[in-house]
Amino acid sequence: MASVKKFGLGPGRILVGVDAGTVTSTVASDISATDTEIQLASTANFNLWGGIVLLDNGTQTERIYYATKDDTTNKLIGCIRGFDGTTALAWTVSTATPINASLLYKDLGDTHGGVKITASESSTELKTDQAGDTPVDEVISGTAVSLEGSLAQLDLENFALIFKTSVQTNSAGYKYVEIKPNVGVSVLGLAKKVKFIPYKSSETGSALSTDPEDQFFLRLAGVVAKPELTYDSNTQRALNVTFKGFPDATGVIGSFGADPQG
């Protein structure tokens, strides 16, 4: 069968990997293979703007993208079943075999102004005295890969991500994020996995692409903070963020298409 040509148009969503085991719960009621709402024992620590959840009962797994949550009912809402190339399954709750729900990626929310992915090679020309100024060869000296976007959701979780810190709560119960110099802090040491998922088209209401080959990954992405917030009557505020890719232990910076690591 002939392959289908793809032409890119439309926005996408930026998701950041969550450390394994940090946000977990269990499924609280049975799920059919077509349900778009999933009830958990608790959604308290799950990301408000959505993300990717792994369901696992020890014998079968399914990845699910959800759009938002409702902490009152403990439901994940707007679910896209069988995400990342997995299969939508029917799940039956059992005391003997709990169905674990783990957050793999959290969605950073809507973007404004588009997302730019850059993968640029740098090179060095080799010359000899005999050839003068004419290069006799050219060697690749490195590849810089980055993802840039502006986050339209101005919540404290996104501020904390950008400024490499955490959301804290004062004595009155109000949350805040401190900005510190971060001198000497290793960007690589705080790097996370980043996934970019495009929409199927630029039309209003267009759904996210469910084809893993449409995605883009950075294996280890460090955040560089450069937000500029203008407070006036006709400028939309957004958090500018750049994720810089670093090679992992295997020498891979990222990938276009399906992630070989799953």
Protein backbone atom coordinates (compact mmCIF):
# COMPACT_ATOMS: atom_id res chain seq x y z
CA MET A 1 0.00 0.00 0.00
CA ALA A 2 1.34 3.41 -0.92
CA SER A 3 2.24 5.67 2.00
CA VAL A 4 0.17 8.78 2.61
CA LYS A 5 1.91 12.11 2.20
CA LYS A 6 1.75 14.31 5.28
CA PHE A 7 1.73 18.09 5.25
CA GLY A 8 2.08 19.96 8.52
CA LEU A 9 -0.39 22.62 9.61
CA GLY A 10 -1.74 23.46 13.03
CA PRO A 11 -0.68 23.73 16.68
CA GLY A 12 0.33 21.05 19.14
CA ARG A 13 0.86 20.32 22.83
CA ILE A 14 4.02 20.16 24.93
CA LEU A 15 4.22 17.45 27.60
CA VAL A 16 6.95 16.94 30.20
CA GLY A 17 7.89 13.60 31.72
CA VAL A 18 7.10 12.90 35.37
CA ASP A 19 9.52 11.00 37.59
CA ALA A 20 8.39 7.38 37.84
CA GLY A 21 6.13 6.62 40.78
CA THR A 22 5.66 10.23 41.93
CA VAL A 23 1.99 10.57 40.88
CA THR A 24 -0.01 7.38 41.24
CA SER A 25 -3.48 6.13 42.14
CA THR A 26 -5.71 3.14 41.42
CA VAL A 27 -8.76 2.74 39.21
CA ALA A 28 -11.95 2.93 41.31
CA SER A 29 -14.59 1.61 38.90
CA ASP A 30 -14.82 -0.64 35.84
CA ILE A 31 -13.85 0.85 32.47
CA SER A 32 -15.10 -0.18 29.04
CA ALA A 33 -12.83 0.07 26.01
CA THR A 34 -14.70 3.19 24.84
CA ASP A 35 -15.11 5.15 28.09
CA THR A 36 -13.74 8.69 27.94
CA GLU A 37 -13.96 9.30 31.70
CA ILE A 38 -11.99 7.24 34.20
CA GLN A 39 -12.61 7.25 37.93
CA LEU A 40 -9.62 6.90 40.23
CA ALA A 41 -9.31 6.53 43.97
CA SER A 42 -7.86 10.05 43.94
CA THR A 43 -6.91 12.58 41.27
CA ALA A 44 -5.51 15.11 43.77
CA ASN A 45 -1.92 15.05 42.49
CA PHE A 46 -2.69 14.56 38.80
CA ASN A 47 -2.05 17.45 36.42
CA LEU A 48 -5.02 19.77 35.84
CA TRP A 49 -4.18 20.49 32.19
CA GLY A 50 -4.06 16.82 31.26
CA GLY A 51 -1.34 14.33 30.50
CA ILE A 52 -0.60 10.70 29.73
CA VAL A 53 -1.46 8.00 32.25
CA LEU A 54 -0.37 4.37 32.28
CA LEU A 55 -2.89 1.76 33.46
CA ASP A 56 -1.22 -1.46 34.62
CA ASN A 57 -2.57 -4.49 36.49
CA GLY A 58 0.54 -6.61 36.15
CA THR A 59 -0.61 -8.51 33.06
CA GLN A 60 -1.82 -5.80 30.67
CA THR A 61 -1.16 -2.10 30.12
CA GLU A 62 -2.76 0.83 28.34
CA ARG A 63 -1.65 4.43 27.87
CA ILE A 64 -4.36 7.10 27.99
CA TYR A 65 -4.22 10.80 27.25
CA TYR A 66 -6.64 12.85 29.36
CA ALA A 67 -7.59 16.50 28.81
CA THR A 68 -8.41 17.57 32.38
CA LYS A 69 -9.59 16.24 35.73
CA ASP A 70 -12.36 16.70 38.30
CA ASP A 71 -11.11 16.37 41.88
CA THR A 72 -14.68 16.36 43.20
CA THR A 73 -15.54 13.12 41.41
CA ASN A 74 -11.90 11.92 41.12
CA LYS A 75 -12.30 11.51 37.37
CA LEU A 76 -9.91 11.95 34.46
CA ILE A 77 -11.95 13.60 31.70
CA GLY A 78 -11.65 13.79 27.91
CA CYS A 79 -9.66 10.58 27.63
CA ILE A 80 -8.15 9.38 24.35
CA ARG A 81 -7.95 5.63 24.79
CA GLY A 82 -5.16 3.38 23.54
CA PHE A 83 -2.71 6.27 23.23
CA ASP A 84 0.96 6.01 22.13
CA GLY A 85 0.25 2.95 20.00
CA THR A 86 -1.33 0.92 22.82
CA THR A 87 -4.74 -0.78 22.64
CA ALA A 88 -7.91 0.45 24.36
CA LEU A 89 -8.92 -2.26 26.83
CA ALA A 90 -11.83 -3.09 29.11
CA TRP A 91 -10.71 -3.00 32.75
CA THR A 92 -12.47 -4.73 35.66
CA VAL A 93 -11.72 -3.56 39.19
CA SER A 94 -10.58 -6.34 41.50
CA THR A 95 -9.42 -6.17 45.11
CA ALA A 96 -7.00 -9.02 44.46
CA THR A 97 -5.50 -7.33 41.38
CA PRO A 98 -5.59 -3.53 41.61
CA ILE A 99 -5.29 -1.46 38.45
CA ASN A 100 -2.53 1.06 39.01
CA ALA A 101 -2.72 4.46 37.33
CA SER A 102 0.59 6.32 36.99
CA LEU A 103 1.17 9.74 35.46
CA LEU A 104 3.88 9.49 32.78
CA TYR A 105 3.67 12.97 31.23
CA LYS A 106 1.96 16.18 32.28
CA ASP A 107 0.56 18.54 29.67
CA LEU A 108 1.78 22.13 30.06
CA GLY A 109 -1.52 23.47 28.77
CA ASP A 110 -2.41 25.60 25.76
CA THR A 111 0.30 27.43 23.83
CA HIS A 112 0.27 30.82 22.12
CA GLY A 113 2.21 31.72 18.99
CA GLY A 114 3.17 28.22 17.97
CA VAL A 115 5.93 25.77 18.88
CA LYS A 116 9.30 25.72 17.12
CA ILE A 117 11.55 22.67 16.94
CA THR A 118 15.15 23.27 15.90
CA ALA A 119 17.73 20.60 15.09
CA SER A 120 20.82 22.23 13.64
CA GLU A 121 24.20 20.70 12.86
CA SER A 122 27.40 22.68 13.23
CA SER A 123 30.46 21.81 11.19
CA THR A 124 34.13 22.66 10.79
CA GLU A 125 35.87 23.03 7.44
CA LEU A 126 39.20 21.22 7.02
CA LYS A 127 41.88 22.88 4.93
CA THR A 128 45.44 22.20 3.85
CA ASP A 129 48.28 24.51 2.87
CA GLN A 130 48.32 22.89 -0.53
CA ALA A 131 44.64 23.60 -1.23
CA GLY A 132 44.75 27.15 0.12
CA ASP A 133 41.36 28.48 1.18
CA THR A 134 39.50 25.65 -0.56
CA PRO A 135 38.09 23.18 1.97
CA VAL A 136 39.22 19.59 1.43
CA ASP A 137 36.61 18.19 3.82
CA GLU A 138 34.08 19.22 6.41
CA VAL A 139 33.29 17.40 9.64
CA ILE A 140 30.25 17.62 11.88
CA SER A 141 31.21 19.17 15.23
CA GLY A 142 27.86 18.80 16.95
CA THR A 143 24.08 18.94 16.79
CA ALA A 144 21.94 21.32 18.83
CA VAL A 145 18.29 20.34 19.33
CA SER A 146 15.69 22.49 21.05
CA LEU A 147 11.96 23.02 21.41
CA GLU A 148 10.59 26.53 21.98
CA GLY A 149 7.08 27.65 22.80
CA SER A 150 4.99 30.08 24.78
CA LEU A 151 2.69 28.68 27.44
CA ALA A 152 -0.67 30.41 27.66
CA GLN A 153 -1.59 28.76 30.99
CA LEU A 154 -0.11 31.07 33.63
CA ASP A 155 -0.35 28.68 36.57
CA LEU A 156 2.18 28.28 39.37
CA GLU A 157 3.13 24.77 38.25
CA ASN A 158 4.44 26.18 34.97
CA PHE A 159 6.31 28.96 36.79
CA ALA A 160 7.89 26.33 39.04
CA LEU A 161 8.98 24.25 36.05
CA ILE A 162 10.58 27.23 34.32
CA PHE A 163 12.42 28.46 37.39
CA LYS A 164 13.55 24.98 38.45
CA THR A 165 11.79 24.94 41.79
CA SER A 166 8.52 23.78 43.35
CA VAL A 167 5.20 25.27 44.37
CA GLN A 168 5.12 26.12 48.06
CA THR A 169 2.36 27.13 50.47
CA ASN A 170 2.53 29.93 53.02
CA SER A 171 1.07 29.93 56.54
CA ALA A 172 -2.24 31.32 55.26
CA GLY A 173 -2.62 28.45 52.80
CA TYR A 174 -1.79 30.42 49.64
CA LYS A 175 0.61 29.00 47.07
CA TYR A 176 3.68 30.74 45.62
CA VAL A 177 6.86 30.12 43.58
CA GLU A 178 10.20 31.64 44.57
CA ILE A 179 12.69 32.88 41.98
CA LYS A 180 16.30 32.23 42.96
CA PRO A 181 19.65 32.93 41.22
CA ASN A 182 20.25 29.19 40.57
CA VAL A 183 23.94 29.92 40.11
CA GLY A 184 25.83 26.71 39.41
CA VAL A 185 22.68 24.61 39.02
CA SER A 186 23.15 21.92 36.38
CA VAL A 187 20.52 22.19 33.66
CA LEU A 188 21.24 18.59 32.66
CA GLY A 189 20.77 17.45 36.27
CA LEU A 190 17.18 18.71 36.19
CA ALA A 191 16.44 17.57 32.63
CA LYS A 192 13.19 15.78 31.84
CA LYS A 193 11.80 13.87 28.91
CA VAL A 194 9.73 16.12 26.64
CA LYS A 195 7.08 15.04 24.15
CA PHE A 196 5.45 17.22 21.48
CA ILE A 197 2.13 16.01 20.01
CA PRO A 198 0.60 17.89 17.04
CA TYR A 199 -3.08 18.30 16.32
CA LYS A 200 -4.48 16.59 13.23
CA SER A 201 -5.17 19.95 11.57
CA SER A 202 -5.45 23.67 12.30
CA GLU A 203 -9.25 23.59 12.45
CA THR A 204 -10.99 24.62 15.67
CA GLY A 205 -11.85 21.53 17.68
CA SER A 206 -9.29 19.38 15.89
CA ALA A 207 -8.18 16.37 17.93
CA LEU A 208 -4.65 15.46 18.89
CA SER A 209 -2.91 13.08 16.54
CA THR A 210 -2.96 9.53 17.87
CA ASP A 211 -0.25 8.39 15.45
CA PRO A 212 3.03 7.93 17.40
CA GLU A 213 4.95 8.64 14.19
CA ASP A 214 3.70 12.26 14.28
CA GLN A 215 5.37 12.97 17.63
CA PHE A 216 8.69 14.52 18.60
CA PHE A 217 10.80 13.65 21.65
CA LEU A 218 13.71 15.01 23.61
CA ARG A 219 15.26 12.33 25.80
CA LEU A 220 16.82 14.79 28.26
CA ALA A 221 15.55 18.35 28.00
CA GLY A 222 16.79 21.16 30.21
CA VAL A 223 14.62 24.25 30.70
CA VAL A 224 15.94 27.74 30.03
CA ALA A 225 13.79 30.45 31.62
CA LYS A 226 13.12 33.61 29.58
CA PRO A 227 9.60 34.75 30.43
CA GLU A 228 8.60 38.33 29.58
CA LEU A 229 5.18 39.24 30.94
CA THR A 230 3.61 42.49 29.73
CA TYR A 231 0.73 43.88 31.76
CA ASP A 232 -1.27 46.20 29.50
CA SER A 233 -4.67 46.27 27.83
CA ASN A 234 -3.82 44.63 24.49
CA THR A 235 -0.92 42.19 24.98
CA GLN A 236 -1.59 38.56 25.80
CA ARG A 237 0.73 37.28 28.49
CA ALA A 238 2.48 33.95 27.92
CA LEU A 239 5.44 32.12 29.42
CA ASN A 240 8.25 31.75 26.91
CA VAL A 241 10.12 28.52 27.46
CA THR A 242 12.97 26.74 25.69
CA PHE A 243 13.80 23.06 26.19
CA LYS A 244 17.40 22.28 25.22
CA GLY A 245 18.17 18.68 24.37
CA PHE A 246 21.13 16.75 25.77
CA PRO A 247 22.28 13.27 24.68
CA ASP A 248 21.36 10.40 26.99
CA ALA A 249 23.65 7.52 27.97
CA THR A 250 23.22 5.98 24.50
CA GLY A 251 24.14 9.22 22.72
CA VAL A 252 20.58 9.93 21.51
CA ILE A 253 19.24 13.48 21.89
CA GLY A 254 15.71 12.87 20.67
CA SER A 255 13.63 11.47 17.88
CA PHE A 256 11.07 12.38 15.24
CA GLY A 257 8.27 9.83 15.23
CA ALA A 258 7.67 6.99 17.66
CA ASP A 259 9.94 6.90 20.68
CA PRO A 260 12.16 3.75 20.49
CA GLN A 261 12.04 3.56 24.30
CA GLY A 262 8.23 3.49 24.35
